[in-house]
Each structure stands twice: as structure tokens, then as C-alpha cells.
Protein backbone atom coordinates (compact mmCIF):
# COMPACT_ATOMS: atom_id res chain seq x y z
CA MET A 1 -28.46 10.01 5.32
CA ARG A 2 -26.34 11.88 7.69
CA VAL A 3 -22.72 10.79 8.11
CA ALA A 4 -20.13 11.06 10.79
CA VAL A 5 -16.04 10.19 9.81
CA TYR A 6 -13.54 9.86 12.66
CA THR A 7 -10.25 9.24 12.69
CA LEU A 8 -7.63 8.74 15.23
CA THR A 9 -4.02 10.36 15.36
CA MET A 10 -0.94 9.35 16.72
CA ASN A 11 2.33 10.88 15.91
CA ARG A 12 2.51 10.32 12.33
CA LEU A 13 1.57 14.12 11.00
CA LEU A 14 2.75 13.22 7.67
CA TYR A 15 0.14 10.65 7.15
CA THR A 16 -2.47 12.83 8.83
CA GLN A 17 -1.87 15.94 6.48
CA GLN A 18 -2.03 13.60 3.74
CA LEU A 19 -5.70 12.68 4.11
CA LEU A 20 -7.55 14.92 6.26
CA LEU A 21 -7.90 18.17 4.09
CA LYS A 22 -7.74 16.47 0.54
CA ALA A 23 -10.45 13.77 1.80
CA GLN A 24 -12.93 16.01 2.79
CA GLN A 25 -12.55 17.99 -0.50
CA MET A 26 -13.59 14.89 -2.51
CA ALA A 27 -16.05 12.95 -0.49
CA GLY A 28 -18.87 14.77 -2.90
CA PHE A 29 -21.18 14.13 0.31
CA PRO A 30 -22.23 16.36 3.46
CA LEU A 31 -20.01 14.77 6.63
CA ASP A 32 -19.29 15.77 9.92
CA TRP A 33 -15.47 14.78 10.49
CA TYR A 34 -14.15 14.29 13.90
CA VAL A 35 -10.34 13.42 15.24
CA PHE A 36 -9.68 11.49 18.08
CA ASP A 37 -5.52 11.94 18.70
CA GLN A 38 -3.90 10.17 21.11
CA GLY A 39 -1.26 12.17 23.04
CA SER A 40 0.77 12.84 19.98
CA THR A 41 4.18 14.46 20.42
CA ASP A 42 5.01 15.29 16.90
CA GLY A 43 3.19 18.09 16.49
CA THR A 44 0.00 16.46 15.35
CA ALA A 45 -2.29 17.68 17.99
CA GLU A 46 -0.55 21.54 17.29
CA TRP A 47 -1.52 21.11 13.91
CA LEU A 48 -4.98 19.68 13.95
CA VAL A 49 -6.00 22.53 16.36
CA SER A 50 -4.33 25.16 13.42
CA HIS A 51 -7.19 23.37 11.31
CA ARG A 52 -10.10 23.09 13.59
CA SER A 53 -12.71 24.52 11.48
CA CYS A 54 -12.31 21.48 9.19
CA PHE A 55 -13.55 19.21 11.97
CA LYS A 56 -16.88 19.12 13.53
CA GLY A 57 -15.12 17.96 16.65
CA MET A 58 -11.97 17.11 18.09
CA VAL A 59 -10.76 15.18 21.15
CA LEU A 60 -6.72 15.41 22.12
CA TRP A 61 -6.50 12.80 24.84
CA PRO A 62 -3.28 12.91 26.92
CA GLN A 63 -1.91 9.89 26.23
CA ASN A 64 -2.04 6.50 23.93
CA ILE A 65 -5.09 4.50 25.58
CA GLY A 66 -5.38 1.99 22.40
CA ILE A 67 -7.37 1.78 19.47
CA CYS A 68 -10.29 -0.27 20.49
CA ALA A 69 -10.91 2.47 23.79
CA ALA A 70 -10.60 5.03 21.55
CA HIS A 71 -12.91 3.72 18.63
CA ASN A 72 -15.30 2.70 21.82
CA ALA A 73 -14.71 6.11 22.88
CA MET A 74 -15.13 8.37 20.41
CA ALA A 75 -18.54 5.69 19.10
CA GLN A 76 -20.09 6.67 22.50
CA MET A 77 -19.55 10.41 21.87
CA LEU A 78 -21.30 10.38 18.71
CA LEU A 79 -23.87 8.30 19.68
CA ALA A 80 -24.73 10.77 22.34
CA GLN A 81 -25.33 13.36 19.81
CA SER A 82 -28.27 11.11 18.14
CA CYS A 83 -28.07 12.46 15.07
CA HIS A 84 -25.79 10.17 12.40
CA ASP A 85 -27.57 7.43 10.72
CA LEU A 86 -23.50 5.90 9.23
CA ILE A 87 -20.58 6.13 11.22
CA MET A 88 -17.41 5.96 9.39
CA LYS A 89 -13.75 5.77 10.86
CA VAL A 90 -11.08 6.23 8.26
CA ASP A 91 -7.74 5.73 9.35
CA ASN A 92 -5.15 8.75 9.21
CA ASP A 93 -2.86 6.42 7.18
CA CYS A 94 -4.31 6.24 4.14
CA GLU A 95 -5.49 8.31 1.05
CA MET A 96 -8.78 8.44 -0.89
CA ARG A 97 -8.35 8.20 -4.15
CA THR A 98 -11.81 8.23 -5.66
CA GLU A 99 -13.79 11.48 -6.89
CA GLY A 100 -17.35 11.22 -4.89
CA TRP A 101 -15.75 8.60 -2.31
CA LEU A 102 -18.61 9.47 0.32
CA LYS A 103 -21.07 9.73 -1.72
CA ALA A 104 -21.06 6.38 -3.79
CA VAL A 105 -20.40 4.97 0.21
CA VAL A 106 -23.84 6.33 1.06
CA GLU A 107 -25.20 5.51 -1.87
CA VAL A 108 -24.13 1.88 -1.29
CA CYS A 109 -25.50 1.83 2.41
CA SER A 110 -28.56 3.29 1.36
CA ALA A 111 -28.95 0.52 -1.37
CA ILE A 112 -28.26 -2.25 1.31
CA GLU A 113 -30.56 -0.85 3.99
CA GLY A 114 -33.31 -0.36 1.27
CA GLY A 115 -33.13 -4.48 0.37
CA GLY A 116 -33.81 -4.70 4.06
CA ILE A 117 -30.48 -5.70 5.75
CA THR A 118 -29.62 -3.73 8.63
CA SER A 119 -26.02 -5.04 9.62
CA TYR A 120 -23.16 -4.04 7.01
CA ALA A 121 -19.57 -3.08 7.24
CA VAL A 122 -18.48 -1.81 3.62
CA SER A 123 -15.09 -0.11 2.83
CA PRO A 124 -14.00 1.59 -0.67
CA ARG A 125 -11.35 -1.04 -2.36
CA VAL A 126 -8.02 -0.85 -0.60
CA THR A 127 -4.83 -0.63 -2.66
CA GLY A 128 -1.25 -0.92 -1.14
CA ILE A 129 -1.69 -3.42 1.48
CA GLY A 130 0.72 -6.60 1.35
CA THR A 131 -2.58 -9.55 0.85
CA PRO A 132 -5.39 -8.43 -0.19
CA VAL A 133 -8.96 -9.60 0.93
CA ARG A 134 -10.48 -12.59 -1.12
CA ARG A 135 -13.74 -11.64 -2.59
CA ILE A 136 -16.22 -14.64 -1.77
CA LYS A 137 -18.73 -12.83 -4.95
CA GLN A 138 -19.68 -9.85 -6.42
CA GLU A 139 -22.75 -8.14 -7.35
CA VAL A 140 -23.61 -4.60 -8.59
CA VAL A 141 -25.05 -2.62 -5.61
CA ALA A 142 -26.56 0.90 -6.42
CA GLY A 143 -24.40 0.89 -9.99
CA HIS A 144 -21.59 -0.19 -7.93
CA PRO A 145 -19.29 -3.46 -8.59
CA PHE A 146 -19.40 -4.71 -4.75
CA GLY A 147 -16.89 -7.71 -3.47
CA HIS A 148 -18.58 -9.56 -0.40
CA THR A 149 -15.87 -10.21 1.78
CA GLN A 150 -15.39 -12.10 5.23
CA ILE A 151 -13.48 -8.93 6.42
CA VAL A 152 -12.92 -5.25 5.38
CA GLY A 153 -9.98 -3.61 7.07
CA GLY A 154 -10.49 -0.73 9.25
CA ILE A 155 -8.83 1.36 7.44
CA SER A 156 -11.94 2.80 6.13
CA MET A 157 -14.70 0.76 7.56
CA CYS A 158 -18.32 2.61 7.51
CA VAL A 159 -21.46 0.86 9.76
CA PRO A 160 -24.83 2.06 10.83
CA ALA A 161 -24.79 3.72 13.58
CA ARG A 162 -26.84 1.71 15.57
CA THR A 163 -24.43 -0.48 15.60
CA PHE A 164 -22.54 0.92 18.14
CA ALA A 165 -25.67 1.10 20.60
CA GLU A 166 -25.39 -2.48 20.61
CA PHE A 167 -22.00 -3.41 20.08
CA GLN A 168 -18.73 -2.47 21.91
CA LEU A 169 -15.45 -3.61 21.16
CA PRO A 170 -13.49 -5.91 23.92
CA LYS A 171 -11.33 -3.50 25.74
CA ILE A 172 -7.80 -4.63 24.24
CA PRO A 173 -4.86 -2.44 24.92
CA GLY A 174 -2.29 -1.31 22.62
CA HIS A 175 -2.78 -1.28 18.74
CA THR A 176 -5.43 -4.58 18.36
CA ALA A 177 -7.04 -3.55 15.38
CA ASP A 178 -11.06 -3.04 15.31
CA ASP A 179 -12.44 -4.65 12.29
CA SER A 180 -12.10 -8.35 12.61
CA HIS A 181 -14.40 -8.00 15.94
CA ILE A 182 -17.07 -5.39 14.03
CA CYS A 183 -16.80 -7.92 10.58
CA ARG A 184 -17.75 -10.97 12.85
CA TRP A 185 -20.64 -9.37 14.89
CA THR A 186 -21.53 -8.31 11.37
CA LYS A 187 -21.53 -11.55 9.88
CA GLU A 188 -23.55 -13.33 13.25
CA LYS A 189 -26.27 -10.96 12.94
CA GLY A 190 -26.79 -12.21 8.99
CA GLY A 191 -25.55 -8.64 7.62
CA VAL A 192 -22.80 -7.74 4.79
CA VAL A 193 -19.40 -7.02 4.48
CA GLY A 194 -17.60 -6.34 1.35
CA TYR A 195 -15.33 -3.73 -0.77
CA ILE A 196 -16.88 -1.20 -2.61
CA GLU A 197 -14.59 -1.93 -5.94
CA ASP A 198 -14.76 0.80 -8.15
CA LEU A 199 -13.57 3.01 -4.69
CA GLU A 200 -10.11 3.41 -3.93
CA ALA A 201 -8.75 3.90 -0.51
CA HIS A 202 -4.93 3.60 -0.93
CA HIS A 203 -2.61 2.42 2.40
CA PHE A 204 0.15 4.44 2.40
CA GLU A 205 3.85 2.33 2.09
CA THR A 206 1.98 -1.16 3.37
CA THR A 207 2.22 -1.30 6.97
CA ILE A 208 5.97 -3.16 6.93
CA GLY A 209 7.14 0.50 5.33
CA GLN A 210 5.06 2.21 7.85
CA ALA A 211 7.13 0.49 10.52
CA ARG A 212 10.30 1.04 8.87
CA ARG A 213 9.23 4.84 8.65
CA PHE A 214 8.05 5.32 11.91
CA PRO A 215 9.71 2.23 14.26
CA GLU A 216 8.77 4.03 17.49
CA TYR A 217 5.10 3.49 16.70
CA PHE A 218 5.27 -0.18 16.28
CA ALA A 219 7.62 -0.49 19.03
CA GLY A 220 4.66 -2.19 21.24
CA ARG A 221 3.62 -5.04 18.37
CA LYS A 222 5.49 -7.96 18.77
CA ASP A 223 3.75 -9.10 15.42
CA MET A 224 4.89 -5.94 13.63
CA GLN A 225 8.44 -6.66 15.25
CA HIS A 226 8.33 -10.32 13.87
CA ALA A 227 7.33 -8.97 10.37
CA LEU A 228 10.21 -6.86 10.01
CA ARG A 229 12.89 -9.49 11.20
CA VAL A 230 11.04 -11.40 8.29
CA ALA A 231 10.80 -8.49 5.52
CA SER A 232 14.94 -8.45 6.65
CA ALA A 233 15.81 -11.49 6.32
CA GLU A 234 14.45 -11.96 2.64
CA GLN A 235 16.02 -8.69 1.53
CA GLN A 236 19.16 -9.88 2.60
CA ARG A 237 18.24 -13.82 0.87
CA ALA A 238 17.44 -10.99 -2.37
CA LYS A 239 21.03 -9.88 -2.22
């Protein structure tokens, strides 16, 4: 299988630096890594350009067009190349902590396809999130414990390239996530959704922690502003 991994960036250079170089070194499997920056103003674009040799392709978009629109643009660019079997989005606010993580992802995806299932959305187990995803059942796939779930977060989601030949995310502005749309579509197709539980992708600081560090990044998200107010009130009560 040939794998394309891509990352969307918009500011938060610290996270991008923590993810990209280390994750490639630990992948354990050949890959083409792409990056799509959405108008960063904190030096992210400049850092990416200075490390251009680490990436197969790079798009520096002049403004933030939202997660779904950027995802669609990147997926269409990769499909036009017609040379990848798997496409995996890895968010810049996570860290791959398991050596050989991509090798294991490919092993699981190959086994799923070998069982006659052509639609799937799989991910390493994600730590550092406020509400862990509930496992429906567990089995062993290609020697890895695999937990079936209703959804896997978009933090590190891998799907067949053919998925994006059949499906596009709705054109929703802002920070609206892509994971629920893809997982729902995959389930409707009779596919498999779940986490490879002996792999770890760690989400930096939880979303609440990120919002405290980078308030400007989350300024347009009403749900995050509400969550921050609730968290602040809980902290005050605890005091």
C-alpha cells in the first residue's frame, strides 16, 4: 500500500514542530507527507518552507478556509495523483508515541480489506482527550487489539483513498470537524470504524488546555467559549 499523510496547519507553530519531524522518523513505513497551511501569521509557513525537503507537497493558502474546505482541497489534490491507496490526516496538535505507528496502521488496513471490507476509518488510540471514545467491541486484527467504535476522532484518521472519490465533506465554515461526517458515511456503507489500541497518538493539552494557550485560534468557536466558561467556573468552585 502507498500512503499519503497530510496535516492542516494554522498558527500554533509549537505543535507543528513537535509533531512533524518526529512522526515521520517513527513511522516505520514509506509515506508521502503533505501539509496545507491556512494563512499562518506566527512563523509556521516560514518554518514549513525551511523544512520543505521533509514533505512531498505543500500548499500555503493565504487565509483560513476552515477544516472541511481544506480537507476537501487536499483530498482532491491527492486523488488527482492517483498513486495512493490510503490517505491519513494527522492533526498538528498531536504526537505519535509508538515506534512503527504507520506500519501498524497499514497492517490493520490491509487485514480489513483482506476480509472483504472496503470502507473503514481507523486511528491509533488517542490519549489526552477529555472524553474517551466508548468501545463497542474488541477483536484482534493483524496481531493488534482493535476496538470498534461509533467514531474515531479526526486527530489521526486513516481511510482508503477511494473514500474521497465517493464522498466530500459538507462545505461548513470555520473549525467544524470532519470526523463525524466521515465515520457516519463509513458506517452507512457497512464499513469498520475503530482504534488500534496498541498504538498511541497523544493529543496535546486537551482541547480546553489548547484554548487557554491559544485563545485567538478558538475565538470563533462558540462551543469552545462555553466550555472554557464552564471549566473556569469549576476551577473557582474547587478553590
